[in-house]
PDB file of N, CA and C in Angstrom:
ATOM      1  N   MET A   1      -1.701  13.944  -6.440  1.00  0.00           N
ATOM      2  CA  MET A   1      -0.693  13.074  -6.896  1.00  0.00           C
ATOM      3  C   MET A   1       0.509  13.896  -7.254  1.00  0.00           C
ATOM      4  N   GLY A   2       1.705  13.219  -6.871  1.00  0.00           N
ATOM      5  CA  GLY A   2       2.867  13.808  -7.350  1.00  0.00           C
ATOM      6  C   GLY A   2       3.462  13.626  -8.706  1.00  0.00           C
ATOM      7  N   LYS A   3       4.412  14.461  -9.156  1.00  0.00           N
ATOM      8  CA  LYS A   3       4.938  14.324 -10.542  1.00  0.00           C
ATOM      9  C   LYS A   3       5.415  12.960 -10.735  1.00  0.00           C
ATOM     10  N   ALA A   4       6.211  12.432  -9.890  1.00  0.00           N
ATOM     11  CA  ALA A   4       6.911  11.183 -10.129  1.00  0.00           C
ATOM     12  C   ALA A   4       5.693  10.005 -10.341  1.00  0.00           C
ATOM     13  N   LYS A   5       4.792  10.071  -9.427  1.00  0.00           N
ATOM     14  CA  LYS A   5       3.792   8.965  -9.421  1.00  0.00           C
ATOM     15  C   LYS A   5       2.942   9.169 -10.703  1.00  0.00           C
ATOM     16  N   LYS A   6       2.622  10.270 -11.227  1.00  0.00           N
ATOM     17  CA  LYS A   6       1.991  10.560 -12.357  1.00  0.00           C
ATOM     18  C   LYS A   6       2.936   9.777 -13.678  1.00  0.00           C
ATOM     19  N   ARG A   7       3.999  10.210 -13.593  1.00  0.00           N
ATOM     20  CA  ARG A   7       5.006   9.719 -14.578  1.00  0.00           C
ATOM     21  C   ARG A   7       5.074   8.248 -14.635  1.00  0.00           C
ATOM     22  N   SER A   8       5.129   7.631 -13.417  1.00  0.00           N
ATOM     23  CA  SER A   8       5.018   6.236 -13.326  1.00  0.00           C
ATOM     24  C   SER A   8       3.833   5.713 -13.921  1.00  0.00           C
ATOM     25  N   PHE A   9       2.738   6.214 -13.715  1.00  0.00           N
ATOM     26  CA  PHE A   9       1.402   5.745 -14.196  1.00  0.00           C
ATOM     27  C   PHE A   9       1.542   5.729 -15.737  1.00  0.00           C
ATOM     28  N   GLN A  10       1.976   7.046 -16.156  1.00  0.00           N
ATOM     29  CA  GLN A  10       1.957   7.212 -17.728  1.00  0.00           C
ATOM     30  C   GLN A  10       2.845   6.269 -18.419  1.00  0.00           C
ATOM     31  N   LYS A  11       3.906   5.972 -17.897  1.00  0.00           N
ATOM     32  CA  LYS A  11       4.903   4.838 -18.598  1.00  0.00           C
ATOM     33  C   LYS A  11       4.428   3.601 -18.556  1.00  0.00           C
ATOM     34  N   GLY A  12       3.474   3.185 -17.605  1.00  0.00           N
ATOM     35  CA  GLY A  12       2.933   1.956 -17.323  1.00  0.00           C
ATOM     36  C   GLY A  12       3.660   1.045 -16.646  1.00  0.00           C
ATOM     37  N   ILE A  13       4.504   1.564 -15.804  1.00  0.00           N
ATOM     38  CA  ILE A  13       5.211   0.773 -14.839  1.00  0.00           C
ATOM     39  C   ILE A  13       4.200  -0.096 -13.907  1.00  0.00           C
ATOM     40  N   ASN A  14       3.243   0.749 -13.456  1.00  0.00           N
ATOM     41  CA  ASN A  14       2.358   0.169 -12.354  1.00  0.00           C
ATOM     42  C   ASN A  14       1.010   0.010 -13.162  1.00  0.00           C
ATOM     43  N   ASP A  15       0.786  -0.760 -14.088  1.00  0.00           N
ATOM     44  CA  ASP A  15      -0.439  -1.069 -14.857  1.00  0.00           C
ATOM     45  C   ASP A  15      -1.514  -1.619 -13.966  1.00  0.00           C
ATOM     46  N   ARG A  16      -1.096  -2.549 -13.046  1.00  0.00           N
ATOM     47  CA  ARG A  16      -2.017  -3.228 -12.421  1.00  0.00           C
ATOM     48  C   ARG A  16      -2.675  -2.418 -11.360  1.00  0.00           C
ATOM     49  N   ILE A  17      -2.172  -1.370 -10.854  1.00  0.00           N
ATOM     50  CA  ILE A  17      -2.731  -0.365  -9.832  1.00  0.00           C
ATOM     51  C   ILE A  17      -2.952   0.853 -10.384  1.00  0.00           C
ATOM     52  N   SER A  18      -3.067   1.186 -11.832  1.00  0.00           N
ATOM     53  CA  SER A  18      -3.147   2.447 -12.326  1.00  0.00           C
ATOM     54  C   SER A  18      -4.528   3.125 -11.896  1.00  0.00           C
ATOM     55  N   ASN A  19      -5.660   2.291 -11.717  1.00  0.00           N
ATOM     56  CA  ASN A  19      -6.793   3.040 -11.391  1.00  0.00           C
ATOM     57  C   ASN A  19      -7.173   2.536  -9.865  1.00  0.00           C
ATOM     58  N   LEU A  20      -6.159   2.529  -9.122  1.00  0.00           N
ATOM     59  CA  LEU A  20      -6.520   2.027  -7.697  1.00  0.00           C
ATOM     60  C   LEU A  20      -6.805   3.367  -6.821  1.00  0.00           C
ATOM     61  N   SER A  21      -7.915   3.285  -5.971  1.00  0.00           N
ATOM     62  CA  SER A  21      -8.016   4.353  -5.117  1.00  0.00           C
ATOM     63  C   SER A  21      -7.387   4.101  -3.840  1.00  0.00           C
ATOM     64  N   ARG A  22      -7.210   5.126  -2.937  1.00  0.00           N
ATOM     65  CA  ARG A  22      -6.651   4.948  -1.651  1.00  0.00           C
ATOM     66  C   ARG A  22      -7.314   3.986  -0.858  1.00  0.00           C
ATOM     67  N   GLU A  23      -8.636   3.922  -0.818  1.00  0.00           N
ATOM     68  CA  GLU A  23      -9.378   2.934  -0.187  1.00  0.00           C
ATOM     69  C   GLU A  23      -9.209   1.490  -0.460  1.00  0.00           C
ATOM     70  N   ASN A  24      -9.173   1.437  -1.940  1.00  0.00           N
ATOM     71  CA  ASN A  24      -8.740  -0.067  -2.346  1.00  0.00           C
ATOM     72  C   ASN A  24      -7.375  -0.424  -2.212  1.00  0.00           C
ATOM     73  N   ALA A  25      -6.449   0.603  -2.117  1.00  0.00           N
ATOM     74  CA  ALA A  25      -5.053   0.236  -1.890  1.00  0.00           C
ATOM     75  C   ALA A  25      -4.760  -0.049  -0.315  1.00  0.00           C
ATOM     76  N   VAL A  26      -5.679   0.349   0.483  1.00  0.00           N
ATOM     77  CA  VAL A  26      -5.655  -0.184   1.979  1.00  0.00           C
ATOM     78  C   VAL A  26      -6.093  -1.384   1.939  1.00  0.00           C
ATOM     79  N   ILE A  27      -7.312  -1.784   1.298  1.00  0.00           N
ATOM     80  CA  ILE A  27      -7.687  -3.185   1.445  1.00  0.00           C
ATOM     81  C   ILE A  27      -6.734  -4.102   0.724  1.00  0.00           C
ATOM     82  N   MET A  28      -6.139  -3.744  -0.292  1.00  0.00           N
ATOM     83  CA  MET A  28      -5.377  -4.492  -1.065  1.00  0.00           C
ATOM     84  C   MET A  28      -4.134  -4.762  -0.197  1.00  0.00           C
ATOM     85  N   ALA A  29      -3.591  -3.866   0.527  1.00  0.00           N
ATOM     86  CA  ALA A  29      -2.401  -3.915   1.355  1.00  0.00           C
ATOM     87  C   ALA A  29      -2.692  -4.849   2.490  1.00  0.00           C
ATOM     88  N   VAL A  30      -3.951  -4.741   3.175  1.00  0.00           N
ATOM     89  CA  VAL A  30      -4.360  -5.842   4.169  1.00  0.00           C
ATOM     90  C   VAL A  30      -4.236  -7.104   3.699  1.00  0.00           C
ATOM     91  N   LYS A  31      -4.871  -7.413   2.539  1.00  0.00           N
ATOM     92  CA  LYS A  31      -4.773  -8.811   1.922  1.00  0.00           C
ATOM     93  C   LYS A  31      -3.438  -9.220   1.842  1.00  0.00           C
ATOM     94  N   MET A  32      -2.505  -8.457   1.189  1.00  0.00           N
ATOM     95  CA  MET A  32      -1.185  -8.872   0.881  1.00  0.00           C
ATOM     96  C   MET A  32      -0.519  -9.140   2.443  1.00  0.00           C
ATOM     97  N   LEU A  33      -0.784  -8.461   3.401  1.00  0.00           N
ATOM     98  CA  LEU A  33      -0.123  -8.552   4.622  1.00  0.00           C
ATOM     99  C   LEU A  33      -0.647 -10.043   5.222  1.00  0.00           C
ATOM    100  N   LYS A  34      -1.886 -10.342   5.008  1.00  0.00           N
ATOM    101  CA  LYS A  34      -2.248 -11.480   5.499  1.00  0.00           C
ATOM    102  C   LYS A  34      -1.728 -12.739   4.664  1.00  0.00           C
ATOM    103  N   ASN A  35      -1.511 -12.504   3.405  1.00  0.00           N
ATOM    104  CA  ASN A  35      -0.833 -13.524   2.625  1.00  0.00           C
ATOM    105  C   ASN A  35       0.841 -13.539   2.721  1.00  0.00           C
ATOM    106  N   CYS A  36       1.294 -12.508   3.463  1.00  0.00           N
ATOM    107  CA  CYS A  36       2.756 -12.453   3.538  1.00  0.00           C
ATOM    108  C   CYS A  36       3.388 -12.236   2.283  1.00  0.00           C
ATOM    109  N   GLU A  37       2.817 -11.307   1.383  1.00  0.00           N
ATOM    110  CA  GLU A  37       3.476 -11.046   0.076  1.00  0.00           C
ATOM    111  C   GLU A  37       4.478  -9.802   0.330  1.00  0.00           C
ATOM    112  N   ASN A  38       5.523  -9.919  -0.430  1.00  0.00           N
ATOM    113  CA  ASN A  38       6.500  -8.732  -0.350  1.00  0.00           C
ATOM    114  C   ASN A  38       6.125  -7.531  -1.163  1.00  0.00           C
ATOM    115  N   ASP A  39       5.154  -7.721  -1.993  1.00  0.00           N
ATOM    116  CA  ASP A  39       4.712  -6.522  -2.908  1.00  0.00           C
ATOM    117  C   ASP A  39       4.000  -5.366  -1.947  1.00  0.00           C
ATOM    118  N   VAL A  40       3.631  -5.857  -0.849  1.00  0.00           N
ATOM    119  CA  VAL A  40       3.147  -4.852   0.066  1.00  0.00           C
ATOM    120  C   VAL A  40       3.879  -3.640   0.434  1.00  0.00           C
ATOM    121  N   TYR A  41       5.304  -3.775   0.438  1.00  0.00           N
ATOM    122  CA  TYR A  41       6.125  -2.796   0.886  1.00  0.00           C
ATOM    123  C   TYR A  41       5.920  -1.560  -0.370  1.00  0.00           C
ATOM    124  N   SER A  42       5.918  -1.847  -1.656  1.00  0.00           N
ATOM    125  CA  SER A  42       5.752  -0.888  -2.652  1.00  0.00           C
ATOM    126  C   SER A  42       4.279  -0.371  -2.644  1.00  0.00           C
ATOM    127  N   LEU A  43       3.466  -1.084  -2.141  1.00  0.00           N
ATOM    128  CA  LEU A  43       1.904  -0.380  -2.152  1.00  0.00           C
ATOM    129  C   LEU A  43       1.978   0.618  -1.065  1.00  0.00           C
ATOM    130  N   VAL A  44       2.564   0.138   0.187  1.00  0.00           N
ATOM    131  CA  VAL A  44       2.489   1.091   1.359  1.00  0.00           C
ATOM    132  C   VAL A  44       3.244   2.256   1.021  1.00  0.00           C
ATOM    133  N   THR A  45       4.359   2.263   0.558  1.00  0.00           N
ATOM    134  CA  THR A  45       5.296   3.473   0.301  1.00  0.00           C
ATOM    135  C   THR A  45       4.499   4.376  -0.802  1.00  0.00           C
ATOM    136  N   LEU A  46       4.059   3.640  -1.773  1.00  0.00           N
ATOM    137  CA  LEU A  46       3.477   4.429  -2.873  1.00  0.00           C
ATOM    138  C   LEU A  46       2.341   5.242  -2.593  1.00  0.00           C
ATOM    139  N   PHE A  47       1.452   4.881  -1.594  1.00  0.00           N
ATOM    140  CA  PHE A  47       0.207   5.595  -1.308  1.00  0.00           C
ATOM    141  C   PHE A  47       0.446   6.247   0.133  1.00  0.00           C
ATOM    142  N   GLY A  48       1.635   5.933   0.753  1.00  0.00           N
ATOM    143  CA  GLY A  48       1.964   6.635   2.178  1.00  0.00           C
ATOM    144  C   GLY A  48       1.025   6.269   3.004  1.00  0.00           C
ATOM    145  N   LEU A  49       0.775   4.909   3.324  1.00  0.00           N
ATOM    146  CA  LEU A  49      -0.330   4.471   4.252  1.00  0.00           C
ATOM    147  C   LEU A  49       0.151   4.586   5.562  1.00  0.00           C
ATOM    148  N   SER A  50      -0.815   4.722   6.485  1.00  0.00           N
ATOM    149  CA  SER A  50      -0.596   4.848   8.013  1.00  0.00           C
ATOM    150  C   SER A  50      -0.806   3.586   8.615  1.00  0.00           C
ATOM    151  N   ALA A  51      -0.467   3.400   9.811  1.00  0.00           N
ATOM    152  CA  ALA A  51      -0.599   2.056  10.522  1.00  0.00           C
ATOM    153  C   ALA A  51      -2.046   2.157  10.895  1.00  0.00           C
ATOM    154  N   GLU A  52      -2.662   3.346  11.302  1.00  0.00           N
ATOM    155  CA  GLU A  52      -4.042   3.476  11.807  1.00  0.00           C
ATOM    156  C   GLU A  52      -4.907   2.895  10.620  1.00  0.00           C
ATOM    157  N   GLU A  53      -4.534   3.345   9.399  1.00  0.00           N
ATOM    158  CA  GLU A  53      -5.410   2.880   8.271  1.00  0.00           C
ATOM    159  C   GLU A  53      -5.510   1.466   8.119  1.00  0.00           C
ATOM    160  N   LEU A  54      -4.411   0.800   8.076  1.00  0.00           N
ATOM    161  CA  LEU A  54      -4.375  -0.575   7.982  1.00  0.00           C
ATOM    162  C   LEU A  54      -4.825  -1.398   9.018  1.00  0.00           C
ATOM    163  N   LEU A  55      -4.816  -0.866  10.389  1.00  0.00           N
ATOM    164  CA  LEU A  55      -5.356  -1.454  11.535  1.00  0.00           C
ATOM    165  C   LEU A  55      -6.894  -1.387  11.498  1.00  0.00           C
ATOM    166  N   GLU A  56      -7.238  -0.258  10.853  1.00  0.00           N
ATOM    167  CA  GLU A  56      -8.977  -0.128  10.965  1.00  0.00           C
ATOM    168  C   GLU A  56      -9.403  -0.934   9.861  1.00  0.00           C
ATOM    169  N   ALA A  57      -8.543  -1.326   8.727  1.00  0.00           N
ATOM    170  CA  ALA A  57      -9.018  -2.134   7.720  1.00  0.00           C
ATOM    171  C   ALA A  57      -9.043  -3.600   8.010  1.00  0.00           C
ATOM    172  N   GLY A  58      -8.562  -3.923   8.996  1.00  0.00           N
ATOM    173  CA  GLY A  58      -8.515  -5.315   9.396  1.00  0.00           C
ATOM    174  C   GLY A  58      -7.145  -6.116   9.573  1.00  0.00           C
ATOM    175  N   ALA A  59      -6.058  -5.436   9.232  1.00  0.00           N
ATOM    176  CA  ALA A  59      -4.728  -5.965   9.523  1.00  0.00           C
ATOM    177  C   ALA A  59      -4.431  -6.364  10.855  1.00  0.00           C
ATOM    178  N   SER A  60      -3.715  -7.396  11.226  1.00  0.00           N
ATOM    179  CA  SER A  60      -3.307  -7.676  12.414  1.00  0.00           C
ATOM    180  C   SER A  60      -2.132  -6.663  12.969  1.00  0.00           C
ATOM    181  N   TYR A  61      -2.150  -6.621  14.351  1.00  0.00           N
ATOM    182  CA  TYR A  61      -1.250  -5.613  14.790  1.00  0.00           C
ATOM    183  C   TYR A  61       0.134  -6.253  14.518  1.00  0.00           C
ATOM    184  N   GLU A  62       0.414  -7.316  14.643  1.00  0.00           N
ATOM    185  CA  GLU A  62       1.810  -7.945  14.461  1.00  0.00           C
ATOM    186  C   GLU A  62       2.239  -7.686  12.973  1.00  0.00           C
ATOM    187  N   ALA A  63       1.477  -7.916  12.133  1.00  0.00           N
ATOM    188  CA  ALA A  63       1.779  -7.490  10.721  1.00  0.00           C
ATOM    189  C   ALA A  63       2.127  -6.108  10.523  1.00  0.00           C
ATOM    190  N   VAL A  64       1.379  -5.264  11.237  1.00  0.00           N
ATOM    191  CA  VAL A  64       1.569  -3.802  10.930  1.00  0.00           C
ATOM    192  C   VAL A  64       2.772  -3.284  11.657  1.00  0.00           C
ATOM    193  N   MET A  65       3.097  -4.032  12.837  1.00  0.00           N
ATOM    194  CA  MET A  65       4.290  -3.629  13.385  1.00  0.00           C
ATOM    195  C   MET A  65       5.607  -4.241  12.785  1.00  0.00           C
ATOM    196  N   GLY A  66       5.485  -5.322  11.861  1.00  0.00           N
ATOM    197  CA  GLY A  66       6.369  -5.823  11.066  1.00  0.00           C
ATOM    198  C   GLY A  66       6.903  -5.002  10.065  1.00  0.00           C
ATOM    199  N   ILE A  67       6.003  -3.920   9.468  1.00  0.00           N
ATOM    200  CA  ILE A  67       6.465  -3.083   8.536  1.00  0.00           C
ATOM    201  C   ILE A  67       6.450  -1.594   9.016  1.00  0.00           C
ATOM    202  N   LYS A  68       6.552  -1.468  10.413  1.00  0.00           N
ATOM    203  CA  LYS A  68       6.389   0.000  11.006  1.00  0.00           C
ATOM    204  C   LYS A  68       7.363   0.941  10.393  1.00  0.00           C
ATOM    205  N   GLY A  69       8.584   0.431   9.997  1.00  0.00           N
ATOM    206  CA  GLY A  69       9.454   1.406   9.572  1.00  0.00           C
ATOM    207  C   GLY A  69       9.113   2.133   8.183  1.00  0.00           C
ATOM    208  N   LEU A  70       8.089   1.608   7.380  1.00  0.00           N
ATOM    209  CA  LEU A  70       7.632   2.057   6.306  1.00  0.00           C
ATOM    210  C   LEU A  70       6.402   3.052   6.505  1.00  0.00           C
ATOM    211  N   LEU A  71       5.874   2.909   7.615  1.00  0.00           N
ATOM    212  CA  LEU A  71       4.542   3.690   7.913  1.00  0.00           C
ATOM    213  C   LEU A  71       4.678   4.971   8.392  1.00  0.00           C
ATOM    214  N   LYS A  72       3.849   5.921   8.193  1.00  0.00           N
ATOM    215  CA  LYS A  72       3.932   7.233   8.673  1.00  0.00           C
ATOM    216  C   LYS A  72       3.479   7.182  10.137  1.00  0.00           C
TER     217      LYS A  72
END
């Protein structure tokens, strides 16, 4: 985990995801994509998720291609 990410967690900025593992982040991102929530952008960039991870977790191809500019 990088210094900035640790600092954000310590400040309490991201309290709702402070104990979130990468696997849970992928699952949460897929749920957000299915519900068309805008918070998915911050979650994807925070964890650096890839398109392959999201597709394997059950996200639709169209939803993943909609945010392909954020993905690795």
